[in-house]
């Protein structure tokens, strides 16, 4: 039944006035960048490279339940705030992450 619930949310979201929610303000879409990191990397290392908190990074990537990229993948696409992308790319992090990758 989750498909029906998602469809109902979409219908309500596109017709707020018809459902008595005309005064609800819509939030702007998140401005996120996507970066690739090696498998097995901890969120702490990624957060440090991007200059964000681990909790913020975990909230942007809720599929990672153990605060670590799955170790059995070669690379993983992470979401980080777009304003932190330049810092992430400048960080000397890749050499430190190599040890976390399963071969």
PDB file of N, CA and C in Angstrom:
ATOM      1  N   UNK A   1       0.804  -1.207   0.000  1.00  0.00           N
ATOM      2  CA  UNK A   1       0.000   0.000   0.000  1.00  0.00           C
ATOM      3  C   UNK A   1       0.849   1.274   0.000  1.00  0.00           C
ATOM      4  N   UNK A   2       2.164   1.123   0.112  1.00  0.00           N
ATOM      5  CA  UNK A   2       3.002   2.321   0.159  1.00  0.00           C
ATOM      6  C   UNK A   2       2.956   3.096  -1.153  1.00  0.00           C
ATOM      7  N   UNK A   3       2.746   2.427  -2.273  1.00  0.00           N
ATOM      8  CA  UNK A   3       2.658   3.124  -3.555  1.00  0.00           C
ATOM      9  C   UNK A   3       1.455   4.066  -3.553  1.00  0.00           C
ATOM     10  N   UNK A   4       0.350   3.610  -3.027  1.00  0.00           N
ATOM     11  CA  UNK A   4      -0.846   4.447  -2.958  1.00  0.00           C
ATOM     12  C   UNK A   4      -0.618   5.657  -2.053  1.00  0.00           C
ATOM     13  N   UNK A   5       0.115   5.458  -0.959  1.00  0.00           N
ATOM     14  CA  UNK A   5       0.406   6.572  -0.056  1.00  0.00           C
ATOM     15  C   UNK A   5       1.297   7.606  -0.733  1.00  0.00           C
ATOM     16  N   UNK A   6       2.270   7.158  -1.487  1.00  0.00           N
ATOM     17  CA  UNK A   6       3.157   8.080  -2.211  1.00  0.00           C
ATOM     18  C   UNK A   6       2.369   8.856  -3.253  1.00  0.00           C
ATOM     19  N   UNK A   7       1.519   8.177  -3.983  1.00  0.00           N
ATOM     20  CA  UNK A   7       0.694   8.856  -4.985  1.00  0.00           C
ATOM     21  C   UNK A   7      -0.242   9.866  -4.330  1.00  0.00           C
ATOM     22  N   UNK A   8      -0.809   9.511  -3.188  1.00  0.00           N
ATOM     23  CA  UNK A   8      -1.691  10.444  -2.479  1.00  0.00           C
ATOM     24  C   UNK A   8      -0.919  11.686  -2.036  1.00  0.00           C
ATOM     25  N   UNK A   9       0.293  11.506  -1.543  1.00  0.00           N
ATOM     26  CA  UNK A   9       1.125  12.654  -1.150  1.00  0.00           C
ATOM     27  C   UNK A   9       1.427  13.540  -2.345  1.00  0.00           C
ATOM     28  N   UNK A  10       1.697  12.941  -3.490  1.00  0.00           N
ATOM     29  CA  UNK A  10       1.979  13.723  -4.695  1.00  0.00           C
ATOM     30  C   UNK A  10       0.753  14.521  -5.121  1.00  0.00           C
ATOM     31  N   UNK A  11      -0.415  13.909  -5.044  1.00  0.00           N
ATOM     32  CA  UNK A  11      -1.655  14.607  -5.430  1.00  0.00           C
ATOM     33  C   UNK A  11      -1.914  15.776  -4.483  1.00  0.00           C
ATOM     34  N   UNK A  12      -1.774  15.542  -3.188  1.00  0.00           N
ATOM     35  CA  UNK A  12      -1.993  16.618  -2.216  1.00  0.00           C
ATOM     36  C   UNK A  12      -0.958  17.718  -2.421  1.00  0.00           C
ATOM     37  N   UNK A  13       0.306  17.349  -2.622  1.00  0.00           N
ATOM     38  CA  UNK A  13       1.368  18.324  -2.798  1.00  0.00           C
ATOM     39  C   UNK A  13       1.181  19.230  -4.000  1.00  0.00           C
ATOM     40  N   UNK A  14       0.560  18.729  -5.042  1.00  0.00           N
ATOM     41  CA  UNK A  14       0.323  19.531  -6.242  1.00  0.00           C
ATOM     42  C   UNK A  14      -1.001  20.290  -6.195  1.00  0.00           C
ATOM     43  N   UNK A  15      -1.817  20.014  -5.204  1.00  0.00           N
ATOM     44  CA  UNK A  15      -3.140  20.656  -5.093  1.00  0.00           C
ATOM     45  C   UNK A  15      -3.383  21.127  -3.660  1.00  0.00           C
ATOM     46  N   UNK A  16      -2.461  21.884  -3.120  1.00  0.00           N
ATOM     47  CA  UNK A  16      -2.566  22.301  -1.723  1.00  0.00           C
ATOM     48  C   UNK A  16      -3.848  23.062  -1.427  1.00  0.00           C
ATOM     49  N   UNK A  17      -4.247  23.955  -2.327  1.00  0.00           N
ATOM     50  CA  UNK A  17      -5.443  24.763  -2.077  1.00  0.00           C
ATOM     51  C   UNK A  17      -6.708  23.922  -2.035  1.00  0.00           C
ATOM     52  N   UNK A  18      -6.788  22.895  -2.832  1.00  0.00           N
ATOM     53  CA  UNK A  18      -7.976  22.030  -2.842  1.00  0.00           C
ATOM     54  C   UNK A  18      -8.111  21.205  -1.570  1.00  0.00           C
ATOM     55  N   UNK A  19      -6.992  21.022  -0.850  1.00  0.00           N
ATOM     56  CA  UNK A  19      -7.017  20.233   0.377  1.00  0.00           C
ATOM     57  C   UNK A  19      -6.912  21.109   1.624  1.00  0.00           C
ATOM     58  N   UNK A  20      -7.155  22.411   1.470  1.00  0.00           N
ATOM     59  CA  UNK A  20      -7.146  23.326   2.597  1.00  0.00           C
ATOM     60  C   UNK A  20      -5.759  23.654   3.124  1.00  0.00           C
ATOM     61  N   UNK A  21      -4.759  23.514   2.303  1.00  0.00           N
ATOM     62  CA  UNK A  21      -3.389  23.763   2.723  1.00  0.00           C
ATOM     63  C   UNK A  21      -2.742  24.900   1.932  1.00  0.00           C
ATOM     64  N   UNK A  22      -3.562  25.843   1.481  1.00  0.00           N
ATOM     65  CA  UNK A  22      -3.060  26.915   0.620  1.00  0.00           C
ATOM     66  C   UNK A  22      -2.019  27.785   1.320  1.00  0.00           C
ATOM     67  N   UNK A  23      -2.058  27.888   2.642  1.00  0.00           N
ATOM     68  CA  UNK A  23      -1.113  28.734   3.366  1.00  0.00           C
ATOM     69  C   UNK A  23       0.233  28.083   3.643  1.00  0.00           C
ATOM     70  N   UNK A  24       0.401  26.834   3.280  1.00  0.00           N
ATOM     71  CA  UNK A  24       1.650  26.119   3.546  1.00  0.00           C
ATOM     72  C   UNK A  24       2.724  26.612   2.573  1.00  0.00           C
ATOM     73  N   UNK A  25       3.856  27.008   3.131  1.00  0.00           N
ATOM     74  CA  UNK A  25       4.963  27.468   2.294  1.00  0.00           C
ATOM     75  C   UNK A  25       5.780  26.265   1.834  1.00  0.00           C
ATOM     76  N   UNK A  26       6.125  26.262   0.568  1.00  0.00           N
ATOM     77  CA  UNK A  26       6.960  25.190   0.040  1.00  0.00           C
ATOM     78  C   UNK A  26       8.425  25.516   0.304  1.00  0.00           C
ATOM     79  N   UNK A  27       9.171  24.499   0.672  1.00  0.00           N
ATOM     80  CA  UNK A  27      10.603  24.681   0.880  1.00  0.00           C
ATOM     81  C   UNK A  27      11.299  24.614  -0.470  1.00  0.00           C
ATOM     82  N   UNK A  28      12.356  25.394  -0.649  1.00  0.00           N
ATOM     83  CA  UNK A  28      13.096  25.296  -1.909  1.00  0.00           C
ATOM     84  C   UNK A  28      13.808  23.949  -1.983  1.00  0.00           C
ATOM     85  N   UNK A  29      14.034  23.449  -3.187  1.00  0.00           N
ATOM     86  CA  UNK A  29      14.742  22.173  -3.301  1.00  0.00           C
ATOM     87  C   UNK A  29      16.163  22.291  -2.738  1.00  0.00           C
ATOM     88  N   UNK A  30      16.656  21.216  -2.213  1.00  0.00           N
ATOM     89  CA  UNK A  30      18.011  21.200  -1.653  1.00  0.00           C
ATOM     90  C   UNK A  30      19.027  21.385  -2.760  1.00  0.00           C
ATOM     91  N   UNK A  31      20.067  22.154  -2.466  1.00  0.00           N
ATOM     92  CA  UNK A  31      21.132  22.383  -3.426  1.00  0.00           C
ATOM     93  C   UNK A  31      22.291  21.466  -3.064  1.00  0.00           C
ATOM     94  N   UNK A  32      22.287  20.271  -3.627  1.00  0.00           N
ATOM     95  CA  UNK A  32      23.260  19.247  -3.276  1.00  0.00           C
ATOM     96  C   UNK A  32      24.183  18.925  -4.441  1.00  0.00           C
ATOM     97  N   UNK A  33      25.392  18.546  -4.105  1.00  0.00           N
ATOM     98  CA  UNK A  33      26.348  18.043  -5.088  1.00  0.00           C
ATOM     99  C   UNK A  33      26.510  16.550  -4.830  1.00  0.00           C
ATOM    100  N   UNK A  34      26.890  15.856  -5.857  1.00  0.00           N
ATOM    101  CA  UNK A  34      27.140  14.412  -5.730  1.00  0.00           C
ATOM    102  C   UNK A  34      28.617  14.154  -5.990  1.00  0.00           C
ATOM    103  N   UNK A  35      29.228  13.405  -5.069  1.00  0.00           N
ATOM    104  CA  UNK A  35      30.642  13.069  -5.195  1.00  0.00           C
ATOM    105  C   UNK A  35      30.798  11.568  -5.040  1.00  0.00           C
ATOM    106  N   UNK A  36      31.850  11.040  -5.635  1.00  0.00           N
ATOM    107  CA  UNK A  36      32.106   9.607  -5.552  1.00  0.00           C
ATOM    108  C   UNK A  36      33.223   9.355  -4.540  1.00  0.00           C
ATOM    109  N   UNK A  37      32.981   8.356  -3.679  1.00  0.00           N
ATOM    110  CA  UNK A  37      33.965   7.984  -2.667  1.00  0.00           C
ATOM    111  C   UNK A  37      34.150   6.476  -2.712  1.00  0.00           C
ATOM    112  N   UNK A  38      35.319   5.983  -2.276  1.00  0.00           N
ATOM    113  CA  UNK A  38      35.570   4.536  -2.289  1.00  0.00           C
ATOM    114  C   UNK A  38      34.696   3.792  -1.287  1.00  0.00           C
ATOM    115  N   UNK A  39      34.423   2.545  -1.582  1.00  0.00           N
ATOM    116  CA  UNK A  39      33.679   1.698  -0.662  1.00  0.00           C
ATOM    117  C   UNK A  39      34.402   1.563   0.665  1.00  0.00           C
ATOM    118  N   UNK A  40      33.651   1.466   1.745  1.00  0.00           N
ATOM    119  CA  UNK A  40      34.206   1.285   3.080  1.00  0.00           C
ATOM    120  C   UNK A  40      34.606   2.568   3.776  1.00  0.00           C
ATOM    121  N   UNK A  41      34.478   3.705   3.122  1.00  0.00           N
ATOM    122  CA  UNK A  41      34.886   4.976   3.718  1.00  0.00           C
ATOM    123  C   UNK A  41      33.895   5.399   4.797  1.00  0.00           C
ATOM    124  N   UNK A  42      34.410   5.872   5.910  1.00  0.00           N
ATOM    125  CA  UNK A  42      33.532   6.315   7.001  1.00  0.00           C
ATOM    126  C   UNK A  42      32.974   7.698   6.691  1.00  0.00           C
ATOM    127  N   UNK A  43      31.781   7.960   7.219  1.00  0.00           N
ATOM    128  CA  UNK A  43      31.191   9.281   7.049  1.00  0.00           C
ATOM    129  C   UNK A  43      32.030  10.342   7.734  1.00  0.00           C
ATOM    130  N   UNK A  44      32.748   9.984   8.778  1.00  0.00           N
ATOM    131  CA  UNK A  44      33.610  10.926   9.470  1.00  0.00           C
ATOM    132  C   UNK A  44      34.695  11.483   8.556  1.00  0.00           C
ATOM    133  N   UNK A  45      35.296  10.638   7.760  1.00  0.00           N
ATOM    134  CA  UNK A  45      36.341  11.094   6.829  1.00  0.00           C
ATOM    135  C   UNK A  45      35.764  11.981   5.735  1.00  0.00           C
ATOM    136  N   UNK A  46      34.608  11.599   5.236  1.00  0.00           N
ATOM    137  CA  UNK A  46      33.973  12.396   4.182  1.00  0.00           C
ATOM    138  C   UNK A  46      33.530  13.740   4.749  1.00  0.00           C
ATOM    139  N   UNK A  47      32.952  13.715   5.946  1.00  0.00           N
ATOM    140  CA  UNK A  47      32.500  14.951   6.588  1.00  0.00           C
ATOM    141  C   UNK A  47      33.671  15.888   6.847  1.00  0.00           C
ATOM    142  N   UNK A  48      34.790  15.346   7.282  1.00  0.00           N
ATOM    143  CA  UNK A  48      35.970  16.166   7.539  1.00  0.00           C
ATOM    144  C   UNK A  48      36.472  16.805   6.242  1.00  0.00           C
ATOM    145  N   UNK A  49      36.506  16.046   5.166  1.00  0.00           N
ATOM    146  CA  UNK A  49      36.971  16.581   3.883  1.00  0.00           C
ATOM    147  C   UNK A  49      36.038  17.676   3.360  1.00  0.00           C
ATOM    148  N   UNK A  50      34.737  17.518   3.600  1.00  0.00           N
ATOM    149  CA  UNK A  50      33.760  18.492   3.098  1.00  0.00           C
ATOM    150  C   UNK A  50      33.549  19.655   4.061  1.00  0.00           C
ATOM    151  N   UNK A  51      33.945  19.485   5.326  1.00  0.00           N
ATOM    152  CA  UNK A  51      33.735  20.544   6.308  1.00  0.00           C
ATOM    153  C   UNK A  51      32.306  20.615   6.803  1.00  0.00           C
ATOM    154  N   UNK A  52      31.671  19.459   6.967  1.00  0.00           N
ATOM    155  CA  UNK A  52      30.315  19.389   7.513  1.00  0.00           C
ATOM    156  C   UNK A  52      30.322  18.409   8.680  1.00  0.00           C
ATOM    157  N   UNK A  53      29.266  18.400   9.457  1.00  0.00           N
ATOM    158  CA  UNK A  53      29.190  17.453  10.572  1.00  0.00           C
ATOM    159  C   UNK A  53      28.768  16.075  10.050  1.00  0.00           C
ATOM    160  N   UNK A  54      29.125  15.064  10.804  1.00  0.00           N
ATOM    161  CA  UNK A  54      28.745  13.696  10.442  1.00  0.00           C
ATOM    162  C   UNK A  54      27.226  13.560  10.440  1.00  0.00           C
ATOM    163  N   UNK A  55      26.568  14.208  11.402  1.00  0.00           N
ATOM    164  CA  UNK A  55      25.107  14.130  11.477  1.00  0.00           C
ATOM    165  C   UNK A  55      24.449  14.758  10.249  1.00  0.00           C
ATOM    166  N   UNK A  56      24.979  15.896   9.792  1.00  0.00           N
ATOM    167  CA  UNK A  56      24.433  16.532   8.584  1.00  0.00           C
ATOM    168  C   UNK A  56      24.634  15.641   7.365  1.00  0.00           C
ATOM    169  N   UNK A  57      25.815  15.038   7.260  1.00  0.00           N
ATOM    170  CA  UNK A  57      26.102  14.153   6.135  1.00  0.00           C
ATOM    171  C   UNK A  57      25.211  12.916   6.176  1.00  0.00           C
ATOM    172  N   UNK A  58      24.989  12.380   7.367  1.00  0.00           N
ATOM    173  CA  UNK A  58      24.111  11.220   7.522  1.00  0.00           C
ATOM    174  C   UNK A  58      22.676  11.566   7.140  1.00  0.00           C
ATOM    175  N   UNK A  59      22.229  12.778   7.462  1.00  0.00           N
ATOM    176  CA  UNK A  59      20.873  13.199   7.105  1.00  0.00           C
ATOM    177  C   UNK A  59      20.711  13.331   5.594  1.00  0.00           C
ATOM    178  N   UNK A  60      21.775  13.710   4.895  1.00  0.00           N
ATOM    179  CA  UNK A  60      21.715  13.837   3.435  1.00  0.00           C
ATOM    180  C   UNK A  60      21.823  12.487   2.737  1.00  0.00           C
ATOM    181  N   UNK A  61      22.309  11.478   3.447  1.00  0.00           N
ATOM    182  CA  UNK A  61      22.505  10.139   2.882  1.00  0.00           C
ATOM    183  C   UNK A  61      21.911   9.087   3.815  1.00  0.00           C
ATOM    184  N   UNK A  62      20.582   9.117   4.002  1.00  0.00           N
ATOM    185  CA  UNK A  62      19.965   8.236   5.000  1.00  0.00           C
ATOM    186  C   UNK A  62      20.059   6.743   4.682  1.00  0.00           C
ATOM    187  N   UNK A  63      20.417   6.408   3.459  1.00  0.00           N
ATOM    188  CA  UNK A  63      20.542   4.992   3.107  1.00  0.00           C
ATOM    189  C   UNK A  63      21.757   4.345   3.770  1.00  0.00           C
ATOM    190  N   UNK A  64      22.685   5.154   4.263  1.00  0.00           N
ATOM    191  CA  UNK A  64      23.880   4.637   4.940  1.00  0.00           C
ATOM    192  C   UNK A  64      23.604   4.569   6.433  1.00  0.00           C
ATOM    193  N   UNK A  65      23.212   3.429   6.913  1.00  0.00           N
ATOM    194  CA  UNK A  65      22.762   3.284   8.299  1.00  0.00           C
ATOM    195  C   UNK A  65      23.896   3.058   9.289  1.00  0.00           C
ATOM    196  N   UNK A  66      25.052   2.684   8.820  1.00  0.00           N
ATOM    197  CA  UNK A  66      26.147   2.371   9.739  1.00  0.00           C
ATOM    198  C   UNK A  66      27.253   3.420   9.712  1.00  0.00           C
ATOM    199  N   UNK A  67      26.929   4.606   9.206  1.00  0.00           N
ATOM    200  CA  UNK A  67      27.884   5.720   9.129  1.00  0.00           C
ATOM    201  C   UNK A  67      29.149   5.328   8.380  1.00  0.00           C
ATOM    202  N   UNK A  68      28.957   4.503   7.359  1.00  0.00           N
ATOM    203  CA  UNK A  68      30.064   4.051   6.525  1.00  0.00           C
ATOM    204  C   UNK A  68      29.505   3.655   5.165  1.00  0.00           C
ATOM    205  N   UNK A  69      30.283   3.919   4.127  1.00  0.00           N
ATOM    206  CA  UNK A  69      29.918   3.465   2.787  1.00  0.00           C
ATOM    207  C   UNK A  69      30.052   1.947   2.779  1.00  0.00           C
ATOM    208  N   UNK A  70      29.138   1.224   2.116  1.00  0.00           N
ATOM    209  CA  UNK A  70      29.248  -0.237   2.098  1.00  0.00           C
ATOM    210  C   UNK A  70      30.634  -0.678   1.606  1.00  0.00           C
ATOM    211  N   UNK A  71      31.253  -1.623   2.300  1.00  0.00           N
ATOM    212  CA  UNK A  71      32.609  -2.035   1.934  1.00  0.00           C
ATOM    213  C   UNK A  71      32.689  -2.881   0.664  1.00  0.00           C
ATOM    214  N   UNK A  72      31.568  -3.418   0.220  1.00  0.00           N
ATOM    215  CA  UNK A  72      31.601  -4.321  -0.929  1.00  0.00           C
ATOM    216  C   UNK A  72      31.354  -3.616  -2.269  1.00  0.00           C
ATOM    217  N   UNK A  73      31.393  -2.284  -2.284  1.00  0.00           N
ATOM    218  CA  UNK A  73      31.240  -1.547  -3.538  1.00  0.00           C
ATOM    219  C   UNK A  73      32.559  -0.858  -3.866  1.00  0.00           C
ATOM    220  N   UNK A  74      32.816  -0.660  -5.133  1.00  0.00           N
ATOM    221  CA  UNK A  74      34.051   0.018  -5.526  1.00  0.00           C
ATOM    222  C   UNK A  74      33.964   1.513  -5.234  1.00  0.00           C
ATOM    223  N   UNK A  75      32.845   2.125  -5.620  1.00  0.00           N
ATOM    224  CA  UNK A  75      32.615   3.540  -5.371  1.00  0.00           C
ATOM    225  C   UNK A  75      31.168   3.754  -4.965  1.00  0.00           C
ATOM    226  N   UNK A  76      30.925   4.855  -4.265  1.00  0.00           N
ATOM    227  CA  UNK A  76      29.583   5.190  -3.809  1.00  0.00           C
ATOM    228  C   UNK A  76      29.348   6.666  -4.074  1.00  0.00           C
ATOM    229  N   UNK A  77      28.167   6.997  -4.524  1.00  0.00           N
ATOM    230  CA  UNK A  77      27.829   8.389  -4.778  1.00  0.00           C
ATOM    231  C   UNK A  77      27.205   9.002  -3.528  1.00  0.00           C
ATOM    232  N   UNK A  78      27.880  10.008  -2.984  1.00  0.00           N
ATOM    233  CA  UNK A  78      27.434  10.693  -1.768  1.00  0.00           C
ATOM    234  C   UNK A  78      26.843  12.045  -2.123  1.00  0.00           C
ATOM    235  N   UNK A  79      25.884  12.480  -1.325  1.00  0.00           N
ATOM    236  CA  UNK A  79      25.337  13.828  -1.454  1.00  0.00           C
ATOM    237  C   UNK A  79      25.967  14.707  -0.381  1.00  0.00           C
ATOM    238  N   UNK A  80      26.488  15.859  -0.811  1.00  0.00           N
ATOM    239  CA  UNK A  80      27.035  16.845   0.115  1.00  0.00           C
ATOM    240  C   UNK A  80      26.469  18.203  -0.273  1.00  0.00           C
ATOM    241  N   UNK A  81      26.467  19.169   0.652  1.00  0.00           N
ATOM    242  CA  UNK A  81      25.992  20.506   0.287  1.00  0.00           C
ATOM    243  C   UNK A  81      26.847  21.090  -0.837  1.00  0.00           C
ATOM    244  N   UNK A  82      26.214  21.681  -1.838  1.00  0.00           N
ATOM    245  CA  UNK A  82      26.944  22.214  -2.994  1.00  0.00           C
ATOM    246  C   UNK A  82      27.997  23.250  -2.584  1.00  0.00           C
ATOM    247  N   UNK A  83      27.708  24.037  -1.550  1.00  0.00           N
ATOM    248  CA  UNK A  83      28.671  25.053  -1.140  1.00  0.00           C
ATOM    249  C   UNK A  83      29.933  24.442  -0.523  1.00  0.00           C
ATOM    250  N   UNK A  84      29.920  23.150  -0.218  1.00  0.00           N
ATOM    251  CA  UNK A  84      31.090  22.459   0.340  1.00  0.00           C
ATOM    252  C   UNK A  84      31.860  21.671  -0.716  1.00  0.00           C
ATOM    253  N   UNK A  85      31.394  21.687  -1.951  1.00  0.00           N
ATOM    254  CA  UNK A  85      32.015  20.887  -3.009  1.00  0.00           C
ATOM    255  C   UNK A  85      33.459  21.311  -3.253  1.00  0.00           C
ATOM    256  N   UNK A  86      33.733  22.600  -3.348  1.00  0.00           N
ATOM    257  CA  UNK A  86      35.098  23.068  -3.619  1.00  0.00           C
ATOM    258  C   UNK A  86      36.051  22.614  -2.518  1.00  0.00           C
ATOM    259  N   UNK A  87      35.619  22.721  -1.268  1.00  0.00           N
ATOM    260  CA  UNK A  87      36.469  22.278  -0.163  1.00  0.00           C
ATOM    261  C   UNK A  87      36.719  20.776  -0.244  1.00  0.00           C
ATOM    262  N   UNK A  88      35.678  20.016  -0.548  1.00  0.00           N
ATOM    263  CA  UNK A  88      35.815  18.567  -0.664  1.00  0.00           C
ATOM    264  C   UNK A  88      36.821  18.204  -1.754  1.00  0.00           C
ATOM    265  N   UNK A  89      36.734  18.883  -2.889  1.00  0.00           N
ATOM    266  CA  UNK A  89      37.631  18.580  -4.001  1.00  0.00           C
ATOM    267  C   UNK A  89      39.070  18.991  -3.704  1.00  0.00           C
ATOM    268  N   UNK A  90      39.266  20.034  -2.892  1.00  0.00           N
ATOM    269  CA  UNK A  90      40.621  20.481  -2.532  1.00  0.00           C
ATOM    270  C   UNK A  90      41.253  19.587  -1.473  1.00  0.00           C
ATOM    271  N   UNK A  91      40.447  18.935  -0.678  1.00  0.00           N
ATOM    272  CA  UNK A  91      40.965  18.141   0.446  1.00  0.00           C
ATOM    273  C   UNK A  91      41.835  17.002  -0.063  1.00  0.00           C
ATOM    274  N   UNK A  92      42.925  16.762   0.636  1.00  0.00           N
ATOM    275  CA  UNK A  92      43.817  15.652   0.296  1.00  0.00           C
ATOM    276  C   UNK A  92      43.302  14.404   1.002  1.00  0.00           C
ATOM    277  N   UNK A  93      42.254  13.836   0.468  1.00  0.00           N
ATOM    278  CA  UNK A  93      41.595  12.736   1.156  1.00  0.00           C
ATOM    279  C   UNK A  93      41.738  11.399   0.449  1.00  0.00           C
ATOM    280  N   UNK A  94      41.869  11.403  -0.834  1.00  0.00           N
ATOM    281  CA  UNK A  94      41.855  10.132  -1.569  1.00  0.00           C
ATOM    282  C   UNK A  94      42.982   9.202  -1.138  1.00  0.00           C
ATOM    283  N   UNK A  95      44.161   9.738  -0.881  1.00  0.00           N
ATOM    284  CA  UNK A  95      45.268   8.870  -0.480  1.00  0.00           C
ATOM    285  C   UNK A  95      44.992   8.208   0.866  1.00  0.00           C
ATOM    286  N   UNK A  96      44.239   8.876   1.754  1.00  0.00           N
ATOM    287  CA  UNK A  96      43.932   8.302   3.061  1.00  0.00           C
ATOM    288  C   UNK A  96      42.810   7.278   2.989  1.00  0.00           C
ATOM    289  N   UNK A  97      41.998   7.328   1.934  1.00  0.00           N
ATOM    290  CA  UNK A  97      40.856   6.421   1.846  1.00  0.00           C
ATOM    291  C   UNK A  97      41.196   5.078   1.234  1.00  0.00           C
ATOM    292  N   UNK A  98      42.309   4.971   0.572  1.00  0.00           N
ATOM    293  CA  UNK A  98      42.619   3.760  -0.177  1.00  0.00           C
ATOM    294  C   UNK A  98      42.609   2.530   0.729  1.00  0.00           C
ATOM    295  N   UNK A  99      43.079   2.671   1.962  1.00  0.00           N
ATOM    296  CA  UNK A  99      43.142   1.536   2.872  1.00  0.00           C
ATOM    297  C   UNK A  99      41.792   0.964   3.260  1.00  0.00           C
ATOM    298  N   UNK A 100      40.737   1.728   3.067  1.00  0.00           N
ATOM    299  CA  UNK A 100      39.414   1.272   3.457  1.00  0.00           C
ATOM    300  C   UNK A 100      38.743   0.423   2.388  1.00  0.00           C
ATOM    301  N   UNK A 101      39.283   0.414   1.211  1.00  0.00           N
ATOM    302  CA  UNK A 101      38.633  -0.289   0.101  1.00  0.00           C
ATOM    303  C   UNK A 101      38.915  -1.783   0.177  1.00  0.00           C
ATOM    304  N   UNK A 102      37.908  -2.598   0.085  1.00  0.00           N
ATOM    305  CA  UNK A 102      38.099  -4.048   0.012  1.00  0.00           C
ATOM    306  C   UNK A 102      38.573  -4.403  -1.389  1.00  0.00           C
ATOM    307  N   UNK A 103      39.461  -5.304  -1.462  1.00  0.00           N
ATOM    308  CA  UNK A 103      39.994  -5.686  -2.784  1.00  0.00           C
ATOM    309  C   UNK A 103      39.372  -6.961  -3.269  1.00  0.00           C
TER     310      UNK A 103
END
